[in-house]
Amino acid sequence: MKNLLLLFGTLTLVFTSCSSNDSLTDSNTETAFKLTKIVHLTPDYSVMYFTDIKYDGNKIVSSTDNNGYVAKYTYTGELITKVEEFQSFTVLENIREYTYLNGKMSIEIQRMPNETKYLEIKYTHNTDGTIAYDRREINSASGKIITSSGKYAYKNGNIIKNEIMNKGQVDIVFEYEYDTKKNPLSNILGLNLLLNGPLSASLNNMIKMSNASTAQQRTFLYSYYNNDFPSEQKRLGNGGGLEEIIKYTY
């Protein structure tokens, strides 16, 4: 399962002047500018895999990797309420169901077909702008429940911190920094409300991810079109070496 923004784990330091601006034709307007293809490349520009995205208006219908991973999206009104994930194009692997309260994510349920185990995540939107989450891995057959929790901090439409708790104490802290440009997924209706999905959209583009407890960090460098959407991302590892290149087609 591929998250462009992996909120619970290792996501992707310094935003440098390596960014550039590419030109666009006049037929591309900001409101109609939708990401249709993501190509993941090795540092020598060999293709690892690519993702095609299909739409119905500004609603995402599906994202399909050439390696067989498919995510199909279901809307209720303007909200994404279900995502079905497949392997080998047709083998259902996971179902995510989303419930909202006052237009904000409140509950996520993840189930695998023919399994007694499922994951439930409850979100609490606090008055200080943070979002607390409580995860319960439930085995309905044995009654066993494994719990964990954490908290997101938001600023300007972006998650800037993820505190993962252990026995009531902060155990791991991920911190994220962003540019002021447009996220390639920002024109997809309802995607910005997903806090943990195959695709999730912040308002802007992540330029640094760090883990204070391990001193690990990732840096992201971008090239942009002249309407501020990225055309290319380069991911640098902890030592500054190039790990991956991503190209965006709209």
C-alpha atoms as a PDB file:
ATOM      1  CA  MET A   1       0.000   0.000   0.000  1.00  0.00           C
ATOM      2  CA  LYS A   2       1.533   3.173  -1.158  1.00  0.00           C
ATOM      3  CA  ASN A   3       0.954   6.475   0.612  1.00  0.00           C
ATOM      4  CA  LEU A   4       2.313   9.619  -1.015  1.00  0.00           C
ATOM      5  CA  LEU A   5       2.148  10.948   2.491  1.00  0.00           C
ATOM      6  CA  LEU A   6       2.872   8.116   5.015  1.00  0.00           C
ATOM      7  CA  LEU A   7       1.484   9.670   8.116  1.00  0.00           C
ATOM      8  CA  PHE A   8       2.143   6.770  10.479  1.00  0.00           C
ATOM      9  CA  GLY A   9       5.613   5.872   9.378  1.00  0.00           C
ATOM     10  CA  THR A  10       8.740   6.865   7.625  1.00  0.00           C
ATOM     11  CA  LEU A  11       8.037   9.547   5.157  1.00  0.00           C
ATOM     12  CA  THR A  12       9.993  11.439   3.399  1.00  0.00           C
ATOM     13  CA  LEU A  13      15.759  18.310   4.612  1.00  0.00           C
ATOM     14  CA  VAL A  14      16.496  21.452   3.346  1.00  0.00           C
ATOM     15  CA  PHE A  15      14.660  23.178   0.508  1.00  0.00           C
ATOM     16  CA  THR A  16      17.349  24.531  -1.762  1.00  0.00           C
ATOM     17  CA  SER A  17      17.522  26.642  -4.876  1.00  0.00           C
ATOM     18  CA  CYS A  18      17.648  23.470  -6.964  1.00  0.00           C
ATOM     19  CA  SER A  19      13.966  24.031  -7.809  1.00  0.00           C
ATOM     20  CA  SER A  20      13.169  25.206 -11.311  1.00  0.00           C
ATOM     21  CA  ASN A  21      10.094  26.331 -13.267  1.00  0.00           C
ATOM     22  CA  ASP A  22       8.868  24.516 -16.384  1.00  0.00           C
ATOM     23  CA  SER A  23       6.364  26.003 -18.804  1.00  0.00           C
ATOM     24  CA  LEU A  24       2.767  24.909 -19.383  1.00  0.00           C
ATOM     25  CA  THR A  25       0.457  25.340 -22.331  1.00  0.00           C
ATOM     26  CA  ASP A  26      -2.394  27.829 -22.041  1.00  0.00           C
ATOM     27  CA  SER A  27      -4.955  25.004 -22.083  1.00  0.00           C
ATOM     28  CA  ASN A  28      -3.879  23.887 -18.605  1.00  0.00           C
ATOM     29  CA  THR A  29      -5.720  25.866 -15.958  1.00  0.00           C
ATOM     30  CA  GLU A  30      -5.202  25.522 -12.241  1.00  0.00           C
ATOM     31  CA  THR A  31      -8.724  24.285 -11.524  1.00  0.00           C
ATOM     32  CA  ALA A  32      -8.564  21.616 -14.252  1.00  0.00           C
ATOM     33  CA  PHE A  33      -5.001  20.591 -13.430  1.00  0.00           C
ATOM     34  CA  LYS A  34      -5.245  16.988 -12.234  1.00  0.00           C
ATOM     35  CA  LEU A  35      -2.475  14.474 -11.720  1.00  0.00           C
ATOM     36  CA  THR A  36      -2.854  11.558 -14.144  1.00  0.00           C
ATOM     37  CA  LYS A  37       0.458   9.692 -13.896  1.00  0.00           C
ATOM     38  CA  ILE A  38       3.225   9.226 -11.324  1.00  0.00           C
ATOM     39  CA  VAL A  39       6.474   7.585 -12.460  1.00  0.00           C
ATOM     40  CA  HIS A  40       8.963   6.317  -9.863  1.00  0.00           C
ATOM     41  CA  LEU A  41      12.555   6.207 -11.106  1.00  0.00           C
ATOM     42  CA  THR A  42      15.912   5.041  -9.787  1.00  0.00           C
ATOM     43  CA  PRO A  43      18.720   7.618  -9.435  1.00  0.00           C
ATOM     44  CA  ASP A  44      19.863   6.715 -12.973  1.00  0.00           C
ATOM     45  CA  TYR A  45      16.317   7.322 -14.302  1.00  0.00           C
ATOM     46  CA  SER A  46      15.376   3.680 -14.781  1.00  0.00           C
ATOM     47  CA  VAL A  47      11.643   3.124 -14.255  1.00  0.00           C
ATOM     48  CA  MET A  48      10.761   1.201 -11.090  1.00  0.00           C
ATOM     49  CA  TYR A  49       6.981   1.442 -11.446  1.00  0.00           C
ATOM     50  CA  PHE A  50       4.299   3.922 -12.418  1.00  0.00           C
ATOM     51  CA  THR A  51       0.784   4.829 -11.295  1.00  0.00           C
ATOM     52  CA  ASP A  52      -2.124   5.896 -13.510  1.00  0.00           C
ATOM     53  CA  ILE A  53      -4.953   7.907 -11.924  1.00  0.00           C
ATOM     54  CA  LYS A  54      -8.490   8.086 -13.326  1.00  0.00           C
ATOM     55  CA  TYR A  55     -11.212  10.611 -12.510  1.00  0.00           C
ATOM     56  CA  ASP A  56     -14.897  11.368 -12.755  1.00  0.00           C
ATOM     57  CA  GLY A  57     -14.815  15.155 -12.826  1.00  0.00           C
ATOM     58  CA  ASN A  58     -12.770  16.151  -9.787  1.00  0.00           C
ATOM     59  CA  LYS A  59     -13.463  12.860  -7.992  1.00  0.00           C
ATOM     60  CA  ILE A  60     -10.794  10.186  -8.076  1.00  0.00           C
ATOM     61  CA  VAL A  61     -12.039   6.855  -9.416  1.00  0.00           C
ATOM     62  CA  SER A  62      -8.913   4.725  -9.161  1.00  0.00           C
ATOM     63  CA  SER A  63      -5.136   4.630  -9.013  1.00  0.00           C
ATOM     64  CA  THR A  64      -3.445   1.712 -10.765  1.00  0.00           C
ATOM     65  CA  ASP A  65       0.198   0.646 -10.573  1.00  0.00           C
ATOM     66  CA  ASN A  66       1.732  -1.331 -13.409  1.00  0.00           C
ATOM     67  CA  ASN A  67       2.830  -3.918 -10.819  1.00  0.00           C
ATOM     68  CA  GLY A  68      -0.803  -4.820 -10.126  1.00  0.00           C
ATOM     69  CA  TYR A  69      -1.726  -2.662  -7.142  1.00  0.00           C
ATOM     70  CA  VAL A  70      -5.096  -0.928  -7.609  1.00  0.00           C
ATOM     71  CA  ALA A  71      -7.057   1.393  -5.309  1.00  0.00           C
ATOM     72  CA  LYS A  72     -10.718   2.072  -6.146  1.00  0.00           C
ATOM     73  CA  TYR A  73     -12.525   4.995  -4.514  1.00  0.00           C
ATOM     74  CA  THR A  74     -16.184   5.385  -3.532  1.00  0.00           C
ATOM     75  CA  TYR A  75     -17.772   8.739  -2.685  1.00  0.00           C
ATOM     76  CA  THR A  76     -20.855   9.643  -0.702  1.00  0.00           C
ATOM     77  CA  GLY A  77     -21.623  13.133  -1.884  1.00  0.00           C
ATOM     78  CA  GLU A  78     -18.290  14.964  -1.788  1.00  0.00           C
ATOM     79  CA  LEU A  79     -16.663  12.670   0.792  1.00  0.00           C
ATOM     80  CA  ILE A  80     -14.533   9.594   0.139  1.00  0.00           C
ATOM     81  CA  THR A  81     -16.198   6.858   2.191  1.00  0.00           C
ATOM     82  CA  LYS A  82     -14.533   3.682   0.920  1.00  0.00           C
ATOM     83  CA  VAL A  83     -11.275   2.608  -0.701  1.00  0.00           C
ATOM     84  CA  GLU A  84     -10.836  -0.945  -1.991  1.00  0.00           C
ATOM     85  CA  GLU A  85      -7.257  -2.104  -2.522  1.00  0.00           C
ATOM     86  CA  PHE A  86      -6.329  -4.903  -4.913  1.00  0.00           C
ATOM     87  CA  GLN A  87      -3.195  -6.875  -5.765  1.00  0.00           C
ATOM     88  CA  SER A  88      -2.619  -8.507  -9.158  1.00  0.00           C
ATOM     89  CA  PHE A  89      -5.225  -5.999 -10.436  1.00  0.00           C
ATOM     90  CA  THR A  90      -8.274  -8.036  -9.328  1.00  0.00           C
ATOM     91  CA  VAL A  91      -7.496  -9.751  -5.989  1.00  0.00           C
ATOM     92  CA  LEU A  92      -9.139  -7.767  -3.191  1.00  0.00           C
ATOM     93  CA  GLU A  93      -6.609  -7.285  -0.389  1.00  0.00           C
ATOM     94  CA  ASN A  94      -7.940  -4.566   1.894  1.00  0.00           C
ATOM     95  CA  ILE A  95     -11.021  -2.395   2.407  1.00  0.00           C
ATOM     96  CA  ARG A  96     -10.881   1.005   4.099  1.00  0.00           C
ATOM     97  CA  GLU A  97     -14.148   2.606   5.231  1.00  0.00           C
ATOM     98  CA  TYR A  98     -14.313   6.202   6.423  1.00  0.00           C
ATOM     99  CA  THR A  99     -16.839   7.960   8.652  1.00  0.00           C
ATOM    100  CA  TYR A 100     -16.993  11.733   9.034  1.00  0.00           C
ATOM    101  CA  LEU A 101     -18.340  14.099  11.680  1.00  0.00           C
ATOM    102  CA  ASN A 102     -19.015  17.713  10.732  1.00  0.00           C
ATOM    103  CA  GLY A 103     -17.015  17.263   7.542  1.00  0.00           C
ATOM    104  CA  LYS A 104     -13.946  15.861   9.313  1.00  0.00           C
ATOM    105  CA  MET A 105     -12.573  12.336   9.483  1.00  0.00           C
ATOM    106  CA  SER A 106     -13.780  10.609  12.650  1.00  0.00           C
ATOM    107  CA  ILE A 107     -13.410   6.837  12.149  1.00  0.00           C
ATOM    108  CA  GLU A 108     -11.464   4.617   9.773  1.00  0.00           C
ATOM    109  CA  ILE A 109     -12.006   0.859   9.565  1.00  0.00           C
ATOM    110  CA  GLN A 110      -9.613  -1.430   7.667  1.00  0.00           C
ATOM    111  CA  ARG A 111     -10.614  -5.002   6.899  1.00  0.00           C
ATOM    112  CA  MET A 112      -9.078  -7.820   4.890  1.00  0.00           C
ATOM    113  CA  PRO A 113     -11.443 -10.266   3.152  1.00  0.00           C
ATOM    114  CA  ASN A 114     -12.157 -13.476   5.073  1.00  0.00           C
ATOM    115  CA  GLU A 115     -10.127 -12.317   8.083  1.00  0.00           C
ATOM    116  CA  THR A 116     -11.321 -11.986  11.673  1.00  0.00           C
ATOM    117  CA  LYS A 117      -8.805  -9.219  12.372  1.00  0.00           C
ATOM    118  CA  TYR A 118      -9.497  -5.594  11.549  1.00  0.00           C
ATOM    119  CA  LEU A 119      -8.107  -2.164  12.366  1.00  0.00           C
ATOM    120  CA  GLU A 120     -10.165   0.682  13.810  1.00  0.00           C
ATOM    121  CA  ILE A 121      -8.784   4.215  14.057  1.00  0.00           C
ATOM    122  CA  LYS A 122     -10.747   6.926  15.856  1.00  0.00           C
ATOM    123  CA  TYR A 123      -9.801  10.566  15.348  1.00  0.00           C
ATOM    124  CA  THR A 124     -10.490  13.430  17.749  1.00  0.00           C
ATOM    125  CA  HIS A 125     -10.193  16.966  16.380  1.00  0.00           C
ATOM    126  CA  ASN A 126      -9.055  19.160  19.272  1.00  0.00           C
ATOM    127  CA  THR A 127      -9.709  22.876  19.690  1.00  0.00           C
ATOM    128  CA  ASP A 128      -5.968  23.622  19.488  1.00  0.00           C
ATOM    129  CA  GLY A 129      -5.869  22.281  15.927  1.00  0.00           C
ATOM    130  CA  THR A 130      -4.252  18.947  16.772  1.00  0.00           C
ATOM    131  CA  ILE A 131      -5.816  15.604  15.870  1.00  0.00           C
ATOM    132  CA  ALA A 132      -5.518  12.728  18.335  1.00  0.00           C
ATOM    133  CA  TYR A 133      -5.825   9.185  17.006  1.00  0.00           C
ATOM    134  CA  ASP A 134      -6.506   5.923  18.817  1.00  0.00           C
ATOM    135  CA  ARG A 135      -5.776   2.684  16.948  1.00  0.00           C
ATOM    136  CA  ARG A 136      -7.275  -0.676  17.901  1.00  0.00           C
ATOM    137  CA  GLU A 137      -6.243  -3.869  16.151  1.00  0.00           C
ATOM    138  CA  ILE A 138      -9.144  -6.177  16.912  1.00  0.00           C
ATOM    139  CA  ASN A 139      -9.404  -9.946  16.521  1.00  0.00           C
ATOM    140  CA  SER A 140     -13.127 -10.633  16.620  1.00  0.00           C
ATOM    141  CA  ALA A 141     -12.538 -14.395  16.911  1.00  0.00           C
ATOM    142  CA  SER A 142     -10.191 -14.368  19.912  1.00  0.00           C
ATOM    143  CA  GLY A 143     -11.290 -11.067  21.429  1.00  0.00           C
ATOM    144  CA  LYS A 144      -7.684  -9.850  21.509  1.00  0.00           C
ATOM    145  CA  ILE A 145      -7.222  -6.092  21.117  1.00  0.00           C
ATOM    146  CA  ILE A 146      -3.913  -4.269  20.552  1.00  0.00           C
ATOM    147  CA  THR A 147      -4.054  -0.527  21.131  1.00  0.00           C
ATOM    148  CA  SER A 148      -1.823   2.387  20.208  1.00  0.00           C
ATOM    149  CA  SER A 149      -2.278   6.132  19.945  1.00  0.00           C
ATOM    150  CA  GLY A 150      -0.742   9.362  18.796  1.00  0.00           C
ATOM    151  CA  LYS A 151      -1.364  12.948  17.788  1.00  0.00           C
ATOM    152  CA  TYR A 152      -0.955  15.057  14.663  1.00  0.00           C
ATOM    153  CA  ALA A 153      -0.140  18.754  14.700  1.00  0.00           C
ATOM    154  CA  TYR A 154      -1.413  20.810  11.755  1.00  0.00           C
ATOM    155  CA  LYS A 155      -0.325  24.137  10.304  1.00  0.00           C
ATOM    156  CA  ASN A 156      -1.585  25.800   7.127  1.00  0.00           C
ATOM    157  CA  GLY A 157      -3.233  22.635   5.849  1.00  0.00           C
ATOM    158  CA  ASN A 158      -0.197  20.406   6.422  1.00  0.00           C
ATOM    159  CA  ILE A 159       0.679  17.852   9.085  1.00  0.00           C
ATOM    160  CA  ILE A 160       3.870  19.179  10.664  1.00  0.00           C
ATOM    161  CA  LYS A 161       4.282  16.649  13.483  1.00  0.00           C
ATOM    162  CA  ASN A 162       3.231  13.087  14.298  1.00  0.00           C
ATOM    163  CA  GLU A 163       3.709  12.037  17.931  1.00  0.00           C
ATOM    164  CA  ILE A 164       3.437   8.278  18.410  1.00  0.00           C
ATOM    165  CA  MET A 165       2.655   7.231  21.971  1.00  0.00           C
ATOM    166  CA  ASN A 166       3.801   4.206  23.968  1.00  0.00           C
ATOM    167  CA  LYS A 167       2.182   3.488  27.331  1.00  0.00           C
ATOM    168  CA  GLY A 168       0.917   7.039  27.566  1.00  0.00           C
ATOM    169  CA  GLN A 169       4.259   8.661  26.795  1.00  0.00           C
ATOM    170  CA  VAL A 170       5.562  10.149  23.556  1.00  0.00           C
ATOM    171  CA  ASP A 171       7.804   7.475  22.028  1.00  0.00           C
ATOM    172  CA  ILE A 172       8.532   8.570  18.442  1.00  0.00           C
ATOM    173  CA  VAL A 173       8.193  12.007  16.874  1.00  0.00           C
ATOM    174  CA  PHE A 174       8.173  12.622  13.138  1.00  0.00           C
ATOM    175  CA  GLU A 175       8.430  16.235  11.992  1.00  0.00           C
ATOM    176  CA  TYR A 176       7.626  17.508   8.504  1.00  0.00           C
ATOM    177  CA  GLU A 177       8.416  20.713   6.625  1.00  0.00           C
ATOM    178  CA  TYR A 178       6.770  21.985   3.433  1.00  0.00           C
ATOM    179  CA  ASP A 179       7.209  24.401   0.578  1.00  0.00           C
ATOM    180  CA  THR A 180       4.541  26.962  -0.375  1.00  0.00           C
ATOM    181  CA  LYS A 181       3.732  25.369  -3.737  1.00  0.00           C
ATOM    182  CA  LYS A 182       0.749  23.221  -4.717  1.00  0.00           C
ATOM    183  CA  ASN A 183       0.530  19.529  -3.882  1.00  0.00           C
ATOM    184  CA  PRO A 184       0.022  17.474  -7.081  1.00  0.00           C
ATOM    185  CA  LEU A 185      -3.060  15.843  -5.514  1.00  0.00           C
ATOM    186  CA  SER A 186      -4.651  19.050  -4.233  1.00  0.00           C
ATOM    187  CA  ASN A 187      -7.363  19.201  -6.934  1.00  0.00           C
ATOM    188  CA  ILE A 188      -8.827  15.801  -5.991  1.00  0.00           C
ATOM    189  CA  LEU A 189     -12.115  16.267  -4.150  1.00  0.00           C
ATOM    190  CA  GLY A 190     -12.074  15.014  -0.553  1.00  0.00           C
ATOM    191  CA  LEU A 191      -8.547  13.627  -0.605  1.00  0.00           C
ATOM    192  CA  ASN A 192      -7.291  16.288   1.820  1.00  0.00           C
ATOM    193  CA  LEU A 193      -9.610  14.849   4.492  1.00  0.00           C
ATOM    194  CA  LEU A 194      -7.979  11.403   4.467  1.00  0.00           C
ATOM    195  CA  LEU A 195      -5.518  11.056   7.324  1.00  0.00           C
ATOM    196  CA  ASN A 196      -4.319   7.555   6.449  1.00  0.00           C
ATOM    197  CA  GLY A 197      -4.977   6.307   2.953  1.00  0.00           C
ATOM    198  CA  PRO A 198      -3.332   4.904  -0.183  1.00  0.00           C
ATOM    199  CA  LEU A 199      -3.194   8.509  -1.353  1.00  0.00           C
ATOM    200  CA  SER A 200      -3.352  11.458   1.031  1.00  0.00           C
ATOM    201  CA  ALA A 201      -2.970  15.113   0.154  1.00  0.00           C
ATOM    202  CA  SER A 202      -1.435  17.896   2.176  1.00  0.00           C
ATOM    203  CA  LEU A 203      -1.889  21.448   0.930  1.00  0.00           C
ATOM    204  CA  ASN A 204       1.781  21.841  -0.014  1.00  0.00           C
ATOM    205  CA  ASN A 205       4.763  19.607  -0.832  1.00  0.00           C
ATOM    206  CA  MET A 206       6.946  18.025   1.820  1.00  0.00           C
ATOM    207  CA  ILE A 207      10.559  19.179   1.654  1.00  0.00           C
ATOM    208  CA  LYS A 208      11.861  17.552   4.833  1.00  0.00           C
ATOM    209  CA  MET A 209      10.947  14.657   7.094  1.00  0.00           C
ATOM    210  CA  SER A 210      12.902  13.945  10.273  1.00  0.00           C
ATOM    211  CA  ASN A 211      12.793  11.496  13.172  1.00  0.00           C
ATOM    212  CA  ALA A 212      14.324  13.115  16.250  1.00  0.00           C
ATOM    213  CA  SER A 213      14.730   9.822  18.106  1.00  0.00           C
ATOM    214  CA  THR A 214      16.919   8.254  15.393  1.00  0.00           C
ATOM    215  CA  ALA A 215      18.341  11.389  13.727  1.00  0.00           C
ATOM    216  CA  GLN A 216      17.091  10.023  10.404  1.00  0.00           C
ATOM    217  CA  GLN A 217      15.864  12.486   7.815  1.00  0.00           C
ATOM    218  CA  ARG A 218      14.729  12.699   4.226  1.00  0.00           C
ATOM    219  CA  THR A 219      15.000  15.730   1.951  1.00  0.00           C
ATOM    220  CA  PHE A 220      12.824  16.408  -1.099  1.00  0.00           C
ATOM    221  CA  LEU A 221      13.786  18.709  -3.957  1.00  0.00           C
ATOM    222  CA  TYR A 222      11.265  19.788  -6.586  1.00  0.00           C
ATOM    223  CA  SER A 223      11.060  21.198 -10.079  1.00  0.00           C
ATOM    224  CA  TYR A 224       7.859  23.128 -10.757  1.00  0.00           C
ATOM    225  CA  TYR A 225       5.651  24.173 -13.620  1.00  0.00           C
ATOM    226  CA  ASN A 226       4.899  27.880 -13.823  1.00  0.00           C
ATOM    227  CA  ASN A 227       1.570  27.353 -12.022  1.00  0.00           C
ATOM    228  CA  ASP A 228       3.416  26.044  -8.936  1.00  0.00           C
ATOM    229  CA  PHE A 229       2.537  22.362  -9.377  1.00  0.00           C
ATOM    230  CA  PRO A 230       5.592  20.063  -9.179  1.00  0.00           C
ATOM    231  CA  SER A 231       6.862  18.337 -12.306  1.00  0.00           C
ATOM    232  CA  GLU A 232       9.567  16.300 -10.552  1.00  0.00           C
ATOM    233  CA  GLN A 233      10.597  15.284  -7.050  1.00  0.00           C
ATOM    234  CA  LYS A 234      14.022  14.065  -5.952  1.00  0.00           C
ATOM    235  CA  ARG A 235      14.293  12.238  -2.636  1.00  0.00           C
ATOM    236  CA  LEU A 236      17.597  12.421  -0.784  1.00  0.00           C
ATOM    237  CA  GLY A 237      18.525  10.000   1.969  1.00  0.00           C
ATOM    238  CA  ASN A 238      19.980  10.571   5.411  1.00  0.00           C
ATOM    239  CA  GLY A 239      23.470  11.133   3.998  1.00  0.00           C
ATOM    240  CA  GLY A 240      22.280  13.343   1.172  1.00  0.00           C
ATOM    241  CA  GLY A 241      22.487  10.713  -1.547  1.00  0.00           C
ATOM    242  CA  LEU A 242      19.797  10.525  -4.223  1.00  0.00           C
ATOM    243  CA  GLU A 243      17.411   7.641  -3.509  1.00  0.00           C
ATOM    244  CA  GLU A 244      14.500   8.105  -5.890  1.00  0.00           C
ATOM    245  CA  ILE A 245      13.098  10.397  -8.578  1.00  0.00           C
ATOM    246  CA  ILE A 246       9.366  10.921  -9.127  1.00  0.00           C
ATOM    247  CA  LYS A 247       7.915  12.515 -12.249  1.00  0.00           C
ATOM    248  CA  TYR A 248       4.372  13.929 -12.368  1.00  0.00           C
ATOM    249  CA  THR A 249       2.137  14.131 -15.435  1.00  0.00           C
ATOM    250  CA  TYR A 250      -1.090  16.168 -15.440  1.00  0.00           C
END
